Amino acid sequence: MNRSTMKAFDAVDMMRTARATIGATIASMSVGEQNEWLHSNPPTDPTLHRLFTLAAQQRAAADGAKKAARRG
């Protein structure tokens, strides 16, 4: 079977390129600097934006649970 079709979009290549670019950008940053960078560069993709929002909500809930545990 001869498959001589060209891919219009290579998701693996795109992911690897994005990972390399982001990795080079944040390699020398501390965790706090990385968090600031993430917050100053919000994702434009709706799915990533939703994931960021859900992660922030989970973090807020976890922080609230830790504070309640310390009080009680």
N, C-alpha and C. Protein backbone atom coordinates (compact mmCIF):
# COMPACT_ATOMS: atom_id res chain seq x y z
N MET A 1 0.84 -1.17 0.00
CA MET A 1 0.00 0.00 0.00
C MET A 1 0.90 1.25 0.00
N ASN A 2 0.68 2.11 -0.94
CA ASN A 2 1.49 3.31 -1.07
C ASN A 2 0.76 4.51 -0.48
N ARG A 3 1.35 5.11 0.53
CA ARG A 3 0.72 6.27 1.17
C ARG A 3 1.63 7.47 0.95
N SER A 4 1.39 8.19 -0.09
CA SER A 4 2.24 9.32 -0.42
C SER A 4 1.55 10.65 -0.14
N THR A 5 0.64 10.66 0.81
CA THR A 5 -0.06 11.90 1.14
C THR A 5 0.77 12.73 2.10
N MET A 6 0.69 14.01 1.95
CA MET A 6 1.37 14.94 2.85
C MET A 6 0.42 15.37 3.95
N LYS A 7 0.94 15.46 5.15
CA LYS A 7 0.12 15.94 6.26
C LYS A 7 -0.09 17.44 6.11
N ALA A 8 -1.32 17.87 6.27
CA ALA A 8 -1.61 19.30 6.23
C ALA A 8 -1.22 19.93 7.57
N PHE A 9 -1.29 19.14 8.63
CA PHE A 9 -0.99 19.64 9.96
C PHE A 9 -0.35 18.51 10.75
N ASP A 10 0.80 18.77 11.35
CA ASP A 10 1.50 17.76 12.14
C ASP A 10 1.42 18.17 13.61
N ALA A 11 0.50 17.57 14.34
CA ALA A 11 0.26 17.95 15.73
C ALA A 11 1.47 17.66 16.62
N VAL A 12 2.16 16.57 16.38
CA VAL A 12 3.32 16.22 17.19
C VAL A 12 4.43 17.25 17.01
N ASP A 13 4.68 17.64 15.77
CA ASP A 13 5.69 18.66 15.51
C ASP A 13 5.31 19.99 16.15
N MET A 14 4.04 20.36 16.06
CA MET A 14 3.59 21.61 16.67
C MET A 14 3.79 21.58 18.19
N MET A 15 3.44 20.45 18.82
CA MET A 15 3.59 20.31 20.27
C MET A 15 5.05 20.39 20.68
N ARG A 16 5.91 19.72 19.94
CA ARG A 16 7.33 19.73 20.27
C ARG A 16 7.94 21.12 20.10
N THR A 17 7.53 21.82 19.05
CA THR A 17 8.01 23.18 18.83
C THR A 17 7.55 24.11 19.95
N ALA A 18 6.27 24.01 20.32
CA ALA A 18 5.74 24.84 21.40
C ALA A 18 6.45 24.53 22.71
N ARG A 19 6.67 23.25 23.00
CA ARG A 19 7.34 22.86 24.24
C ARG A 19 8.76 23.41 24.29
N ALA A 20 9.47 23.33 23.17
CA ALA A 20 10.85 23.83 23.11
C ALA A 20 10.89 25.35 23.30
N THR A 21 9.96 26.05 22.68
CA THR A 21 9.91 27.51 22.80
C THR A 21 9.61 27.93 24.23
N ILE A 22 8.60 27.32 24.82
CA ILE A 22 8.22 27.66 26.20
C ILE A 22 9.33 27.25 27.16
N GLY A 23 9.90 26.08 26.95
CA GLY A 23 10.99 25.62 27.81
C GLY A 23 12.18 26.55 27.79
N ALA A 24 12.53 27.06 26.62
CA ALA A 24 13.64 28.00 26.51
C ALA A 24 13.31 29.32 27.20
N THR A 25 12.05 29.72 27.14
CA THR A 25 11.62 30.98 27.76
C THR A 25 11.67 30.91 29.28
N ILE A 26 11.22 29.80 29.85
CA ILE A 26 11.08 29.73 31.30
C ILE A 26 12.22 28.97 32.00
N ALA A 27 13.20 28.51 31.26
CA ALA A 27 14.27 27.68 31.83
C ALA A 27 14.99 28.34 32.99
N SER A 28 15.25 29.62 32.91
CA SER A 28 16.02 30.29 33.95
C SER A 28 15.14 31.01 34.97
N MET A 29 13.83 30.83 34.89
CA MET A 29 12.91 31.53 35.80
C MET A 29 12.66 30.70 37.06
N SER A 30 12.42 31.40 38.16
CA SER A 30 11.99 30.72 39.38
C SER A 30 10.51 30.35 39.23
N VAL A 31 9.99 29.57 40.16
CA VAL A 31 8.59 29.17 40.10
C VAL A 31 7.68 30.41 40.15
N GLY A 32 8.00 31.36 41.00
CA GLY A 32 7.20 32.58 41.08
C GLY A 32 7.22 33.37 39.78
N GLU A 33 8.39 33.45 39.16
CA GLU A 33 8.51 34.14 37.88
C GLU A 33 7.73 33.41 36.78
N GLN A 34 7.75 32.08 36.84
CA GLN A 34 6.98 31.30 35.86
C GLN A 34 5.49 31.56 36.03
N ASN A 35 5.03 31.60 37.27
CA ASN A 35 3.62 31.88 37.51
C ASN A 35 3.24 33.27 37.01
N GLU A 36 4.09 34.26 37.27
CA GLU A 36 3.83 35.60 36.75
C GLU A 36 3.78 35.61 35.23
N TRP A 37 4.71 34.88 34.60
CA TRP A 37 4.74 34.80 33.15
C TRP A 37 3.46 34.18 32.60
N LEU A 38 3.01 33.09 33.25
CA LEU A 38 1.77 32.44 32.81
C LEU A 38 0.58 33.38 32.93
N HIS A 39 0.50 34.13 34.03
CA HIS A 39 -0.62 35.04 34.22
C HIS A 39 -0.56 36.24 33.28
N SER A 40 0.63 36.65 32.88
CA SER A 40 0.75 37.79 31.98
C SER A 40 0.59 37.38 30.51
N ASN A 41 0.59 36.09 30.23
CA ASN A 41 0.43 35.58 28.87
C ASN A 41 -0.71 34.56 28.83
N PRO A 42 -1.95 35.02 29.03
CA PRO A 42 -3.06 34.07 29.06
C PRO A 42 -3.25 33.41 27.69
N PRO A 43 -3.72 32.17 27.70
CA PRO A 43 -3.91 31.47 26.43
C PRO A 43 -5.04 32.08 25.62
N THR A 44 -4.90 32.08 24.30
CA THR A 44 -5.96 32.58 23.43
C THR A 44 -6.88 31.45 22.99
N ASP A 45 -6.42 30.22 23.10
CA ASP A 45 -7.24 29.07 22.74
C ASP A 45 -8.33 28.89 23.80
N PRO A 46 -9.60 28.77 23.40
CA PRO A 46 -10.69 28.65 24.38
C PRO A 46 -10.56 27.44 25.29
N THR A 47 -10.07 26.33 24.77
CA THR A 47 -9.92 25.13 25.60
C THR A 47 -8.84 25.34 26.65
N LEU A 48 -7.71 25.91 26.26
CA LEU A 48 -6.65 26.19 27.24
C LEU A 48 -7.10 27.22 28.26
N HIS A 49 -7.85 28.21 27.81
CA HIS A 49 -8.36 29.23 28.73
C HIS A 49 -9.27 28.58 29.78
N ARG A 50 -10.10 27.66 29.35
CA ARG A 50 -10.99 26.95 30.28
C ARG A 50 -10.18 26.12 31.27
N LEU A 51 -9.12 25.44 30.79
CA LEU A 51 -8.27 24.66 31.69
C LEU A 51 -7.57 25.55 32.71
N PHE A 52 -7.09 26.73 32.28
CA PHE A 52 -6.46 27.67 33.21
C PHE A 52 -7.45 28.11 34.28
N THR A 53 -8.68 28.41 33.85
CA THR A 53 -9.72 28.85 34.79
C THR A 53 -10.04 27.76 35.80
N LEU A 54 -10.19 26.53 35.32
CA LEU A 54 -10.48 25.42 36.23
C LEU A 54 -9.32 25.17 37.19
N ALA A 55 -8.10 25.28 36.71
CA ALA A 55 -6.93 25.09 37.57
C ALA A 55 -6.88 26.16 38.65
N ALA A 56 -7.21 27.39 38.30
CA ALA A 56 -7.22 28.48 39.28
C ALA A 56 -8.30 28.25 40.33
N GLN A 57 -9.46 27.74 39.90
CA GLN A 57 -10.54 27.45 40.85
C GLN A 57 -10.14 26.33 41.80
N GLN A 58 -9.50 25.30 41.29
CA GLN A 58 -9.05 24.20 42.13
C GLN A 58 -8.00 24.67 43.13
N ARG A 59 -7.11 25.53 42.67
CA ARG A 59 -6.08 26.06 43.55
C ARG A 59 -6.70 26.88 44.68
N ALA A 60 -7.69 27.72 44.33
CA ALA A 60 -8.36 28.53 45.33
C ALA A 60 -9.09 27.65 46.34
N ALA A 61 -9.71 26.58 45.87
CA ALA A 61 -10.40 25.66 46.78
C ALA A 61 -9.41 24.95 47.69
N ALA A 62 -8.27 24.54 47.14
CA ALA A 62 -7.25 23.87 47.95
C ALA A 62 -6.67 24.83 48.99
N ASP A 63 -6.43 26.08 48.60
CA ASP A 63 -5.91 27.07 49.54
C ASP A 63 -6.92 27.33 50.66
N GLY A 64 -8.21 27.38 50.31
CA GLY A 64 -9.26 27.58 51.31
C GLY A 64 -9.34 26.42 52.28
N ALA A 65 -9.17 25.21 51.78
CA ALA A 65 -9.22 24.02 52.64
C ALA A 65 -8.04 24.00 53.59
N LYS A 66 -6.86 24.44 53.12
CA LYS A 66 -5.68 24.47 53.99
C LYS A 66 -5.87 25.48 55.10
N LYS A 67 -6.43 26.65 54.79
CA LYS A 67 -6.66 27.68 55.80
C LYS A 67 -7.68 27.22 56.82
N ALA A 68 -8.73 26.54 56.36
CA ALA A 68 -9.75 26.03 57.29
C ALA A 68 -9.17 24.97 58.21
N ALA A 69 -8.29 24.14 57.70
CA ALA A 69 -7.67 23.07 58.51
C ALA A 69 -6.76 23.67 59.58
N ARG A 70 -6.10 24.76 59.27
CA ARG A 70 -5.21 25.40 60.26
C ARG A 70 -6.00 26.03 61.40
N ARG A 71 -7.18 26.52 61.09
CA ARG A 71 -8.01 27.17 62.11
C ARG A 71 -8.62 26.16 63.08
N GLY A 72 -8.95 25.02 62.54
CA GLY A 72 -9.79 24.15 63.31
C GLY A 72 -9.22 22.95 63.86
